[in-house]
N, C-alpha and C. Protein backbone atom coordinates (compact mmCIF):
# COMPACT_ATOMS: atom_id res chain seq x y z
N MET A 1 -35.77 168.10 175.56
CA MET A 1 -35.17 167.13 174.77
C MET A 1 -33.35 166.56 175.86
N PHE A 2 -33.31 165.55 175.34
CA PHE A 2 -32.15 165.03 175.57
C PHE A 2 -31.38 163.90 174.59
N PHE A 3 -30.17 164.16 174.72
CA PHE A 3 -29.44 163.33 173.53
C PHE A 3 -27.86 162.78 174.12
N ARG A 4 -27.24 161.97 173.62
CA ARG A 4 -25.98 161.54 173.84
C ARG A 4 -25.50 162.10 172.57
N PRO A 5 -24.19 162.90 172.87
CA PRO A 5 -23.53 163.33 171.63
C PRO A 5 -22.79 162.31 170.44
N GLU A 6 -22.55 160.99 170.75
CA GLU A 6 -22.21 160.29 169.84
C GLU A 6 -23.55 159.59 169.20
N ASP A 7 -24.49 159.83 169.74
CA ASP A 7 -25.88 159.30 168.77
C ASP A 7 -26.27 160.35 167.84
N GLY A 8 -25.94 161.60 168.07
CA GLY A 8 -26.75 162.70 167.10
C GLY A 8 -27.32 163.35 167.68
N HIS A 9 -27.70 164.84 167.56
CA HIS A 9 -28.87 165.55 167.95
C HIS A 9 -30.17 165.69 167.23
N GLY A 10 -30.01 165.16 165.94
CA GLY A 10 -31.47 165.14 165.08
C GLY A 10 -31.73 166.77 165.08
N LEU A 11 -30.96 167.41 165.27
CA LEU A 11 -31.29 169.01 164.72
C LEU A 11 -30.60 169.69 163.78
N PRO A 12 -31.22 170.61 162.92
CA PRO A 12 -30.51 171.23 161.91
C PRO A 12 -28.65 171.53 162.05
N HIS A 13 -28.61 171.82 163.38
CA HIS A 13 -27.19 172.62 163.80
C HIS A 13 -26.86 172.08 165.30
N ASN A 14 -25.60 171.70 165.17
CA ASN A 14 -25.41 170.86 166.98
C ASN A 14 -25.30 172.45 167.80
N PRO A 15 -26.06 171.84 169.00
CA PRO A 15 -26.34 173.07 169.47
C PRO A 15 -25.43 172.99 170.94
N PHE A 16 -24.14 172.26 170.68
CA PHE A 16 -23.40 172.34 171.89
C PHE A 16 -22.66 173.79 172.12
N LYS A 17 -22.65 174.58 171.05
CA LYS A 17 -21.94 175.85 170.93
C LYS A 17 -22.77 177.03 171.64
N ALA A 18 -23.69 176.38 171.67
CA ALA A 18 -25.02 177.29 172.19
C ALA A 18 -25.14 177.67 173.02
N VAL A 19 -24.95 176.17 174.14
CA VAL A 19 -24.91 175.83 175.69
C VAL A 19 -23.95 176.41 176.28
N VAL A 20 -22.74 176.25 175.57
CA VAL A 20 -21.21 176.72 176.27
C VAL A 20 -21.00 178.17 175.53
N ALA A 21 -22.03 178.98 176.18
CA ALA A 21 -21.82 180.48 175.39
C ALA A 21 -22.33 181.63 176.51
N PRO A 22 -22.07 182.55 176.28
CA PRO A 22 -21.23 183.15 175.13
C PRO A 22 -19.59 182.36 175.64
N ARG A 23 -18.45 182.56 174.78
CA ARG A 23 -17.17 182.28 175.33
C ARG A 23 -16.12 183.28 174.33
N PRO A 24 -15.51 183.87 175.49
CA PRO A 24 -14.54 184.85 174.87
C PRO A 24 -13.86 184.06 173.46
N ILE A 25 -12.83 185.13 172.90
CA ILE A 25 -12.25 184.60 171.88
C ILE A 25 -10.78 185.52 171.88
N GLY A 26 -10.10 184.20 172.10
CA GLY A 26 -8.55 184.28 171.87
C GLY A 26 -8.24 184.61 170.69
N TRP A 27 -7.55 185.68 170.34
CA TRP A 27 -7.35 186.35 169.12
C TRP A 27 -5.62 185.68 169.17
N ILE A 28 -5.25 184.54 168.60
CA ILE A 28 -3.96 184.14 168.67
C ILE A 28 -2.80 184.31 167.66
N SER A 29 -2.06 185.42 168.16
CA SER A 29 -0.67 185.67 167.16
C SER A 29 0.33 184.37 167.24
N SER A 30 1.34 184.31 166.17
CA SER A 30 2.15 183.56 166.90
C SER A 30 3.22 183.65 165.31
N VAL A 31 4.49 183.18 165.64
CA VAL A 31 5.64 183.17 163.83
C VAL A 31 6.02 181.61 163.88
N ASP A 32 6.28 181.12 162.59
CA ASP A 32 6.69 179.84 162.66
C ASP A 32 8.07 179.87 162.79
N LYS A 33 9.18 178.74 162.62
CA LYS A 33 10.52 178.77 162.67
C LYS A 33 10.88 179.65 161.77
N ASN A 34 10.23 180.36 160.95
CA ASN A 34 10.76 181.14 159.84
C ASN A 34 10.64 182.29 160.01
N GLY A 35 10.09 183.01 160.93
CA GLY A 35 9.64 184.10 161.62
C GLY A 35 8.32 184.39 160.87
N ASN A 36 7.46 183.73 159.87
CA ASN A 36 6.41 184.16 159.15
C ASN A 36 5.27 184.24 160.35
N ALA A 37 4.44 185.18 160.48
CA ALA A 37 3.55 185.44 161.73
C ALA A 37 1.99 185.08 161.20
N ASN A 38 1.81 184.67 161.96
CA ASN A 38 -0.36 184.06 161.93
C ASN A 38 -0.86 184.52 162.94
N LEU A 39 -1.99 184.98 162.69
CA LEU A 39 -2.78 185.33 163.15
C LEU A 39 -4.58 184.70 162.99
N ALA A 40 -4.95 184.33 164.21
CA ALA A 40 -6.65 183.24 164.39
C ALA A 40 -6.82 183.53 165.54
N PRO A 41 -8.33 183.46 165.11
CA PRO A 41 -9.18 183.89 166.15
C PRO A 41 -9.53 182.24 166.73
N TYR A 42 -9.57 182.17 168.24
CA TYR A 42 -9.97 180.72 168.94
C TYR A 42 -11.23 181.01 169.60
N SER A 43 -12.45 180.52 169.61
CA SER A 43 -13.33 180.74 170.88
C SER A 43 -13.14 179.77 171.98
N PHE A 44 -12.67 178.52 171.47
CA PHE A 44 -12.35 177.72 172.88
C PHE A 44 -11.20 178.70 173.45
N PHE A 45 -11.01 179.51 174.14
CA PHE A 45 -10.16 180.29 174.80
C PHE A 45 -10.70 180.77 176.29
N ASN A 46 -10.07 180.66 176.95
CA ASN A 46 -9.99 181.37 178.77
C ASN A 46 -8.48 181.48 179.32
N GLY A 47 -9.01 182.12 180.82
CA GLY A 47 -8.01 182.08 181.86
C GLY A 47 -8.09 180.81 182.35
N VAL A 48 -7.02 180.18 182.85
CA VAL A 48 -7.51 179.07 183.77
C VAL A 48 -6.75 179.08 185.38
N ALA A 49 -6.00 180.49 185.47
CA ALA A 49 -5.28 180.58 186.60
C ALA A 49 -4.56 181.71 186.78
N ASP A 50 -4.75 182.36 187.59
CA ASP A 50 -4.08 183.66 187.96
C ASP A 50 -3.18 184.02 188.88
N THR A 51 -2.64 183.37 189.26
CA THR A 51 -1.51 183.10 190.19
C THR A 51 -0.76 181.98 190.19
N PRO A 52 0.25 181.70 189.82
CA PRO A 52 0.54 182.71 188.09
C PRO A 52 -0.53 182.73 187.10
N PRO A 53 -0.69 183.62 186.23
CA PRO A 53 -1.68 183.65 185.28
C PRO A 53 -1.31 182.76 184.47
N MET A 54 -2.44 182.43 183.87
CA MET A 54 -1.87 181.03 182.80
C MET A 54 -3.62 181.08 181.89
N VAL A 55 -3.42 180.83 180.28
CA VAL A 55 -4.54 180.89 179.84
C VAL A 55 -4.36 179.51 178.48
N MET A 56 -5.73 179.20 178.33
CA MET A 56 -5.56 178.11 177.17
C MET A 56 -6.40 178.47 176.05
N PHE A 57 -6.13 178.01 175.00
CA PHE A 57 -7.39 177.85 173.73
C PHE A 57 -6.70 176.23 173.17
N SER A 58 -8.12 176.19 172.77
CA SER A 58 -7.72 175.05 171.95
C SER A 58 -8.22 174.68 170.77
N ALA A 59 -7.44 174.33 169.86
CA ALA A 59 -7.90 174.00 168.35
C ALA A 59 -8.34 172.98 167.90
N THR A 60 -9.72 172.98 167.38
CA THR A 60 -10.39 171.92 167.05
C THR A 60 -10.40 171.55 165.88
N GLY A 61 -10.08 170.30 165.62
CA GLY A 61 -9.87 169.61 164.36
C GLY A 61 -9.04 169.97 163.37
N LEU A 62 -8.66 169.93 162.44
CA LEU A 62 -7.66 170.22 161.29
C LEU A 62 -8.38 171.39 160.44
N LYS A 63 -7.28 171.79 159.71
CA LYS A 63 -7.51 172.73 158.72
C LYS A 63 -8.41 172.32 158.05
N GLU A 64 -9.50 173.45 158.07
CA GLU A 64 -10.98 173.04 156.93
C GLU A 64 -10.41 172.95 155.43
N TYR A 65 -10.76 172.13 155.14
CA TYR A 65 -10.64 171.34 153.57
C TYR A 65 -9.51 170.85 153.47
N SER A 66 -8.83 170.31 154.33
CA SER A 66 -7.10 170.16 154.45
C SER A 66 -7.11 169.02 155.29
N ASP A 67 -5.93 168.07 155.71
CA ASP A 67 -5.65 167.66 156.66
C ASP A 67 -4.74 167.68 157.68
N ALA A 68 -3.98 169.18 157.14
CA ALA A 68 -3.01 169.44 157.82
C ALA A 68 -3.41 170.17 159.45
N THR A 69 -2.42 169.97 160.34
CA THR A 69 -2.62 170.58 161.58
C THR A 69 -2.23 172.56 161.17
N LYS A 70 -3.23 172.87 162.25
CA LYS A 70 -3.90 174.51 162.16
C LYS A 70 -2.10 175.25 162.32
N ASP A 71 -2.34 175.89 161.72
CA ASP A 71 -0.99 176.91 161.73
C ASP A 71 -1.12 177.33 163.35
N SER A 72 -1.59 177.98 164.20
CA SER A 72 -1.13 178.11 165.18
C SER A 72 -0.45 176.90 166.32
N ILE A 73 -1.39 176.02 165.78
CA ILE A 73 -0.36 174.90 166.73
C ILE A 73 0.82 174.25 166.39
N VAL A 74 0.95 174.41 164.82
CA VAL A 74 2.68 173.88 164.39
C VAL A 74 3.34 175.28 164.99
N ASN A 75 3.05 176.51 164.70
CA ASN A 75 3.81 177.63 165.33
C ASN A 75 4.10 177.71 166.72
N VAL A 76 3.03 177.08 167.81
CA VAL A 76 3.54 177.52 169.04
C VAL A 76 4.21 175.93 169.35
N ARG A 77 4.00 174.97 168.65
CA ARG A 77 4.78 173.88 168.94
C ARG A 77 6.39 173.89 168.76
N GLU A 78 6.35 174.75 167.38
CA GLU A 78 7.88 174.91 166.91
C GLU A 78 8.78 176.11 167.61
N THR A 79 7.86 176.82 168.23
CA THR A 79 8.83 177.92 168.93
C THR A 79 8.55 178.01 170.47
N GLY A 80 7.40 177.67 170.81
CA GLY A 80 7.04 177.79 172.40
C GLY A 80 6.58 179.00 172.75
N GLN A 81 6.05 179.90 172.00
CA GLN A 81 5.45 180.90 172.34
C GLN A 81 4.46 181.51 171.20
N PHE A 82 3.53 182.45 172.31
CA PHE A 82 2.11 182.97 171.29
C PHE A 82 1.74 184.31 172.23
N ILE A 83 0.85 185.07 171.15
CA ILE A 83 0.41 185.93 172.16
C ILE A 83 -0.94 186.22 172.06
N VAL A 84 -2.02 186.24 172.87
CA VAL A 84 -3.35 186.25 172.90
C VAL A 84 -3.83 187.90 172.62
N ASN A 85 -4.03 188.19 171.70
CA ASN A 85 -4.79 189.48 171.27
C ASN A 85 -6.39 189.37 171.94
N ILE A 86 -6.77 190.58 172.69
CA ILE A 86 -8.48 190.61 173.10
C ILE A 86 -9.13 191.02 171.92
N VAL A 87 -10.27 190.68 171.36
CA VAL A 87 -10.76 191.23 170.25
C VAL A 87 -12.01 192.12 171.05
N SER A 88 -11.80 193.64 170.80
CA SER A 88 -12.85 194.38 170.92
C SER A 88 -13.82 194.56 169.82
N ALA A 89 -14.89 195.35 169.79
CA ALA A 89 -16.37 195.12 168.96
C ALA A 89 -15.62 195.65 167.55
N ASP A 90 -15.06 196.76 167.71
CA ASP A 90 -14.70 197.46 166.88
C ASP A 90 -13.62 196.64 165.88
N MET A 91 -13.01 195.57 166.11
CA MET A 91 -12.24 194.70 165.50
C MET A 91 -12.68 193.73 165.34
N LYS A 92 -14.53 193.50 165.05
CA LYS A 92 -14.84 192.46 164.67
C LYS A 92 -14.57 191.61 162.98
N ASP A 93 -14.35 192.58 162.57
CA ASP A 93 -14.38 192.32 160.68
C ASP A 93 -12.84 192.16 160.76
N ALA A 94 -12.17 192.77 161.28
CA ALA A 94 -10.71 191.97 161.01
C ALA A 94 -10.72 190.92 161.65
N MET A 95 -10.97 190.65 163.09
CA MET A 95 -10.95 189.32 163.36
C MET A 95 -11.62 188.28 162.66
N ASN A 96 -12.60 188.44 161.73
CA ASN A 96 -13.25 187.52 161.24
C ASN A 96 -12.50 187.29 159.59
N ALA A 97 -12.10 188.39 158.86
CA ALA A 97 -10.86 188.43 158.05
C ALA A 97 -9.85 187.31 158.33
N SER A 98 -9.38 187.22 159.62
CA SER A 98 -8.28 186.99 159.84
C SER A 98 -8.64 185.04 159.76
N SER A 99 -10.03 184.83 160.21
CA SER A 99 -10.34 183.46 160.18
C SER A 99 -10.32 182.54 158.92
N GLY A 100 -9.80 183.20 157.65
CA GLY A 100 -10.24 182.79 156.67
C GLY A 100 -9.27 181.60 156.16
N LEU A 101 -9.17 181.19 155.02
CA LEU A 101 -8.32 180.01 154.76
C LEU A 101 -6.94 180.20 153.97
N PHE A 102 -6.26 180.36 154.60
CA PHE A 102 -4.94 180.63 153.98
C PHE A 102 -3.59 179.63 154.03
N GLU A 103 -2.58 179.52 153.40
CA GLU A 103 -1.87 178.75 153.08
C GLU A 103 -0.85 179.20 153.85
N HIS A 104 -0.25 177.99 154.65
CA HIS A 104 0.85 177.94 155.76
C HIS A 104 1.96 178.88 155.42
N GLY A 105 2.34 180.01 156.36
CA GLY A 105 3.08 181.11 155.50
C GLY A 105 2.73 182.40 155.15
N ASP A 106 1.21 182.47 154.95
CA ASP A 106 0.57 183.59 154.29
C ASP A 106 0.27 184.55 156.15
N ASP A 107 0.49 185.87 155.94
CA ASP A 107 0.55 186.54 156.83
C ASP A 107 -1.07 187.34 157.33
N GLU A 108 -1.89 186.50 158.28
CA GLU A 108 -3.10 186.93 158.42
C GLU A 108 -3.45 188.57 158.51
N PHE A 109 -2.22 189.15 159.63
CA PHE A 109 -2.13 190.25 159.53
C PHE A 109 -2.67 191.34 158.22
N VAL A 110 -1.57 191.01 157.35
CA VAL A 110 -1.84 191.42 156.14
C VAL A 110 -3.14 191.24 155.36
N HIS A 111 -3.90 190.25 155.60
CA HIS A 111 -5.17 189.84 154.73
C HIS A 111 -6.10 190.78 155.49
N ALA A 112 -5.79 191.50 156.80
CA ALA A 112 -6.99 191.78 157.42
C ALA A 112 -6.92 193.27 158.16
N GLY A 113 -5.73 193.90 157.26
CA GLY A 113 -5.31 194.69 157.08
C GLY A 113 -5.11 195.71 158.48
N LEU A 114 -3.97 194.84 159.27
CA LEU A 114 -3.66 195.11 160.78
C LEU A 114 -2.17 195.45 160.79
N GLU A 115 -1.91 196.47 161.75
CA GLU A 115 -0.42 196.66 162.00
C GLU A 115 0.18 195.85 163.13
N LYS A 116 1.36 195.65 163.30
CA LYS A 116 1.70 195.03 163.92
C LYS A 116 2.81 195.55 165.09
N GLU A 117 2.59 195.32 166.46
CA GLU A 117 3.49 195.67 167.39
C GLU A 117 4.20 194.57 167.70
N GLN A 118 5.36 194.61 168.34
CA GLN A 118 6.42 193.68 168.34
C GLN A 118 6.49 193.17 169.82
N GLY A 119 6.22 192.07 170.41
CA GLY A 119 6.02 191.90 172.02
C GLY A 119 7.18 191.79 172.81
N HIS A 120 7.16 192.52 173.64
CA HIS A 120 8.39 193.07 174.46
C HIS A 120 9.15 191.57 175.35
N ILE A 121 8.97 190.47 175.13
CA ILE A 121 8.90 189.54 175.77
C ILE A 121 9.29 187.83 174.87
N VAL A 122 8.37 187.91 174.41
CA VAL A 122 7.96 186.53 173.33
C VAL A 122 8.60 187.44 171.68
N ASP A 123 9.04 186.49 170.88
CA ASP A 123 9.57 187.32 169.87
C ASP A 123 8.61 186.73 168.97
N VAL A 124 7.30 187.52 168.93
CA VAL A 124 5.98 187.28 168.27
C VAL A 124 5.17 188.87 168.23
N PRO A 125 4.81 189.22 167.24
CA PRO A 125 3.95 190.47 166.99
C PRO A 125 2.60 190.00 167.70
N PHE A 126 1.82 191.52 167.76
CA PHE A 126 0.76 191.33 168.74
C PHE A 126 -0.14 192.64 167.74
N VAL A 127 -1.63 192.45 167.56
CA VAL A 127 -2.31 193.44 166.98
C VAL A 127 -1.82 195.24 167.60
N LYS A 128 -1.07 195.96 166.43
CA LYS A 128 -1.53 197.44 167.05
C LYS A 128 -2.85 197.86 167.12
N GLY A 129 -3.01 198.55 168.38
CA GLY A 129 -4.58 199.17 169.01
C GLY A 129 -5.42 198.24 169.74
N VAL A 130 -5.09 196.78 169.82
CA VAL A 130 -5.66 196.09 170.41
C VAL A 130 -5.95 196.65 171.80
N ALA A 131 -7.44 195.68 172.40
CA ALA A 131 -7.77 196.39 173.75
C ALA A 131 -6.43 196.26 174.89
N ALA A 132 -6.26 194.62 174.62
CA ALA A 132 -5.17 194.09 175.62
C ALA A 132 -4.31 192.94 174.71
N ALA A 133 -3.58 192.38 175.10
CA ALA A 133 -2.80 191.46 174.85
C ALA A 133 -1.66 190.67 175.47
N MET A 134 -1.96 189.24 175.85
CA MET A 134 -0.98 188.92 176.72
C MET A 134 0.16 188.03 176.30
N GLU A 135 1.64 188.38 176.39
CA GLU A 135 2.43 187.68 176.00
C GLU A 135 3.00 186.21 176.58
N CYS A 136 2.85 185.07 176.04
CA CYS A 136 2.66 183.84 176.57
C CYS A 136 3.89 182.77 175.87
N GLU A 137 3.78 182.23 177.10
CA GLU A 137 5.36 180.86 176.64
C GLU A 137 4.14 179.60 176.80
N LEU A 138 5.06 179.26 175.81
CA LEU A 138 4.02 177.13 176.38
C LEU A 138 4.50 176.50 177.51
N TRP A 139 3.16 176.14 178.20
CA TRP A 139 3.61 175.43 179.48
C TRP A 139 2.91 173.91 179.11
N LYS A 140 1.99 173.87 178.63
CA LYS A 140 1.76 172.51 178.43
C LYS A 140 0.96 172.23 176.84
N MET A 141 1.32 171.20 176.00
CA MET A 141 0.23 171.07 174.80
C MET A 141 -0.44 169.59 175.17
N ILE A 142 -1.78 169.71 174.93
CA ILE A 142 -2.52 168.37 175.54
C ILE A 142 -3.18 167.77 173.92
N ASP A 143 -3.02 166.55 173.52
CA ASP A 143 -3.53 166.39 172.57
C ASP A 143 -5.37 165.68 173.13
N LEU A 144 -6.32 165.86 172.64
CA LEU A 144 -7.42 165.87 173.23
C LEU A 144 -8.03 164.57 172.11
N PRO A 145 -9.15 163.90 172.56
CA PRO A 145 -9.71 163.21 171.62
C PRO A 145 -10.31 163.79 170.00
N GLY A 146 -10.07 162.68 169.06
CA GLY A 146 -10.34 163.47 167.69
C GLY A 146 -8.89 164.46 167.24
N ASP A 147 -9.19 164.85 166.65
CA ASP A 147 -7.93 166.02 166.14
C ASP A 147 -8.11 167.68 166.73
N ASN A 148 -7.89 167.37 167.82
CA ASN A 148 -8.03 168.49 168.84
C ASN A 148 -7.12 168.40 169.64
N THR A 149 -6.36 169.45 170.18
CA THR A 149 -5.11 170.04 170.82
C THR A 149 -5.45 171.59 171.52
N MET A 150 -5.24 171.06 173.17
CA MET A 150 -5.27 172.20 173.82
C MET A 150 -3.73 172.76 174.30
N VAL A 151 -3.31 174.18 174.04
CA VAL A 151 -2.59 174.89 174.50
C VAL A 151 -2.46 175.46 175.83
N ILE A 152 -1.71 175.34 176.39
CA ILE A 152 -1.78 175.88 177.97
C ILE A 152 -0.88 177.01 177.84
N GLY A 153 -0.66 178.46 178.21
CA GLY A 153 0.61 179.38 178.15
C GLY A 153 0.72 180.11 179.64
N SER A 154 1.78 180.15 179.78
CA SER A 154 2.15 180.65 181.14
C SER A 154 2.07 182.36 180.34
N VAL A 155 1.27 183.41 181.29
CA VAL A 155 1.37 184.69 180.56
C VAL A 155 2.63 185.27 181.30
N LYS A 156 3.55 185.75 180.55
CA LYS A 156 4.32 186.54 180.90
C LYS A 156 4.82 187.93 181.10
N GLY A 157 3.98 188.78 180.01
CA GLY A 157 3.78 190.10 180.13
C GLY A 157 2.17 190.27 179.47
N ILE A 158 1.80 191.56 179.99
CA ILE A 158 0.18 191.82 179.45
C ILE A 158 0.18 193.43 179.02
N HIS A 159 -0.47 193.72 178.16
CA HIS A 159 -0.21 194.72 177.47
C HIS A 159 -1.66 195.53 177.78
N LEU A 160 -1.67 196.55 178.38
CA LEU A 160 -3.43 197.04 178.34
C LEU A 160 -3.22 198.39 177.73
N ASN A 161 -4.30 198.61 176.91
CA ASN A 161 -4.72 199.90 176.12
C ASN A 161 -5.17 201.23 177.15
N ASP A 162 -4.29 202.19 177.27
CA ASP A 162 -4.71 203.08 178.05
C ASP A 162 -6.10 203.70 177.97
N ALA A 163 -6.28 203.55 176.49
CA ALA A 163 -7.91 204.72 176.28
C ALA A 163 -8.80 203.68 177.02
N TYR A 164 -8.48 202.68 177.52
CA TYR A 164 -9.74 201.89 178.31
C TYR A 164 -9.67 201.67 179.65
N MET A 165 -8.56 202.57 180.32
CA MET A 165 -8.40 202.54 181.74
C MET A 165 -9.47 203.42 182.32
N VAL A 166 -9.85 203.30 183.64
CA VAL A 166 -11.13 204.04 184.12
C VAL A 166 -10.46 204.09 185.49
N ASP A 167 -10.38 204.94 186.22
CA ASP A 167 -9.49 205.60 187.81
C ASP A 167 -8.72 204.18 187.95
N GLY A 168 -8.26 203.65 187.26
CA GLY A 168 -7.27 202.38 187.35
C GLY A 168 -7.90 201.06 187.07
N ILE A 169 -9.20 200.91 186.54
CA ILE A 169 -9.69 199.99 186.16
C ILE A 169 -9.66 199.70 184.78
N PHE A 170 -9.53 198.65 184.15
CA PHE A 170 -9.68 198.11 182.77
C PHE A 170 -11.26 197.87 182.77
N GLU A 171 -11.46 199.09 181.93
CA GLU A 171 -13.24 198.83 181.96
C GLU A 171 -13.22 198.42 180.81
N ILE A 172 -14.33 197.30 180.46
CA ILE A 172 -14.37 196.29 179.73
C ILE A 172 -15.45 196.91 179.00
N THR A 173 -16.77 197.80 179.48
CA THR A 173 -17.83 198.31 178.36
C THR A 173 -17.08 199.14 177.80
N LYS A 174 -15.66 199.94 177.84
CA LYS A 174 -15.39 200.96 176.83
C LYS A 174 -14.84 200.31 175.57
N PHE A 175 -14.34 199.07 175.72
CA PHE A 175 -13.74 198.40 174.57
C PHE A 175 -15.13 197.59 174.12
N ARG A 176 -15.71 196.99 174.55
CA ARG A 176 -16.89 195.94 174.53
C ARG A 176 -16.27 194.67 174.18
N PRO A 177 -15.73 193.80 174.68
CA PRO A 177 -15.27 192.43 174.17
C PRO A 177 -15.92 192.02 173.44
N LEU A 178 -15.32 191.07 172.39
CA LEU A 178 -16.61 190.38 171.24
C LEU A 178 -16.39 188.82 172.05
N ALA A 179 -17.72 188.08 172.01
CA ALA A 179 -17.49 186.85 172.46
C ALA A 179 -18.37 185.94 171.51
N ARG A 180 -18.15 184.93 171.37
CA ARG A 180 -18.43 183.65 170.52
C ARG A 180 -20.11 182.94 171.31
N CYS A 181 -20.79 183.12 170.29
CA CYS A 181 -21.97 181.87 170.94
C CYS A 181 -21.80 181.00 169.92
N GLY A 182 -23.65 180.36 169.70
CA GLY A 182 -23.71 179.37 168.79
C GLY A 182 -23.78 179.61 167.37
N TYR A 183 -23.88 178.79 166.45
CA TYR A 183 -24.35 179.01 165.29
C TYR A 183 -23.00 180.32 164.45
N ARG A 184 -23.87 181.11 164.27
CA ARG A 184 -23.03 182.39 163.41
C ARG A 184 -22.95 183.27 164.30
N ASP A 185 -23.14 183.19 165.41
CA ASP A 185 -23.49 184.62 166.46
C ASP A 185 -22.64 184.62 167.30
N TYR A 186 -22.59 185.99 167.42
CA TYR A 186 -21.59 186.74 168.45
C TYR A 186 -22.19 188.01 169.76
N ALA A 187 -21.66 188.22 170.50
CA ALA A 187 -22.23 188.88 171.28
C ALA A 187 -21.24 189.96 171.69
N THR A 188 -21.77 191.18 172.37
CA THR A 188 -20.69 192.14 173.14
C THR A 188 -20.96 192.26 174.36
N VAL A 189 -20.13 192.68 175.13
CA VAL A 189 -20.20 193.02 176.70
C VAL A 189 -20.58 194.61 176.81
N ASP A 190 -21.61 194.98 176.80
CA ASP A 190 -22.09 196.47 176.85
C ASP A 190 -22.40 196.99 178.20
N GLU A 191 -22.98 196.00 179.10
CA GLU A 191 -23.07 196.10 180.47
C GLU A 191 -22.58 195.26 181.69
N THR A 192 -22.39 195.51 182.75
CA THR A 192 -22.23 194.74 183.63
C THR A 192 -22.83 195.41 184.90
N PHE A 193 -22.51 194.36 185.95
CA PHE A 193 -23.64 194.54 187.70
C PHE A 193 -22.28 193.84 188.28
N ALA A 194 -22.47 194.23 189.59
CA ALA A 194 -21.45 193.89 190.80
C ALA A 194 -22.37 193.10 191.57
N LEU A 195 -21.52 191.70 191.99
CA LEU A 195 -22.38 190.96 193.07
C LEU A 195 -21.30 190.85 194.20
N ASN A 196 -21.44 191.15 195.66
CA ASN A 196 -20.87 190.65 196.56
C ASN A 196 -20.78 189.65 196.79
N ARG A 197 -19.87 189.07 197.41
CA ARG A 197 -19.44 187.78 197.99
C ARG A 197 -20.09 187.76 199.34
N PRO A 198 -20.56 186.56 199.80
CA PRO A 198 -21.14 186.93 201.46
C PRO A 198 -20.19 187.12 202.43
N TYR A 199 -18.79 187.26 202.02
CA TYR A 199 -17.57 187.87 202.69
C TYR A 199 -17.06 188.75 202.39
N LYS A 200 -15.88 189.53 202.98
CA LYS A 200 -15.40 190.44 202.42
C LYS A 200 -13.93 190.18 201.62
N GLN A 201 -13.93 190.59 200.46
CA GLN A 201 -13.08 189.93 199.31
C GLN A 201 -12.12 191.45 198.81
N LYS A 202 -10.96 191.71 198.54
CA LYS A 202 -10.10 192.68 198.27
C LYS A 202 -10.52 192.27 196.89
N LEU A 203 -10.64 193.93 195.74
CA LEU A 203 -10.20 193.77 194.37
C LEU A 203 -9.43 193.28 194.09
N GLY A 204 -9.02 192.42 192.93
CA GLY A 204 -7.99 191.97 192.35
C GLY A 204 -7.81 190.56 192.42
């Protein structure tokens, strides 16, 4: 089949997110101008550069059942800081709990039963025990068509959980990162394989 998004797809559910899949999940922690913590997962997330390291996440639409801007966007706009927590398979339930509909100022860390650790560079907490966390400063915020906003951050510090280091490699099959697929589907990374490029390249 072929369809133009503006004309509709005629299917029970929009297939777009199933096509662009799997997508890593950026579990974004931030604070508002009064210091209230917020934690929310975003599946439109990825790295966009490595020298210097930069990441992006995109908030699509407004708050569900509200015309208010999503808290993560409000907070990053106010403070210029956020932390990306990487979701491991064993934290899937806490991640899901943090995606609930809460009032601005409610602490999703508390609702999800999570402990905090304080960032070393940015004044934002991150999830204690998480596989990895990246402390970020806002580089640019871009308003996209519709009520969508892209946030691009410069990574200023990276926390790696030593439990997942194997011979100097951050071994993703040990923490099994969670990925978002289409509809209500998720996936985990349980197996990897290597491919050598046609030319020699140093690891890293």
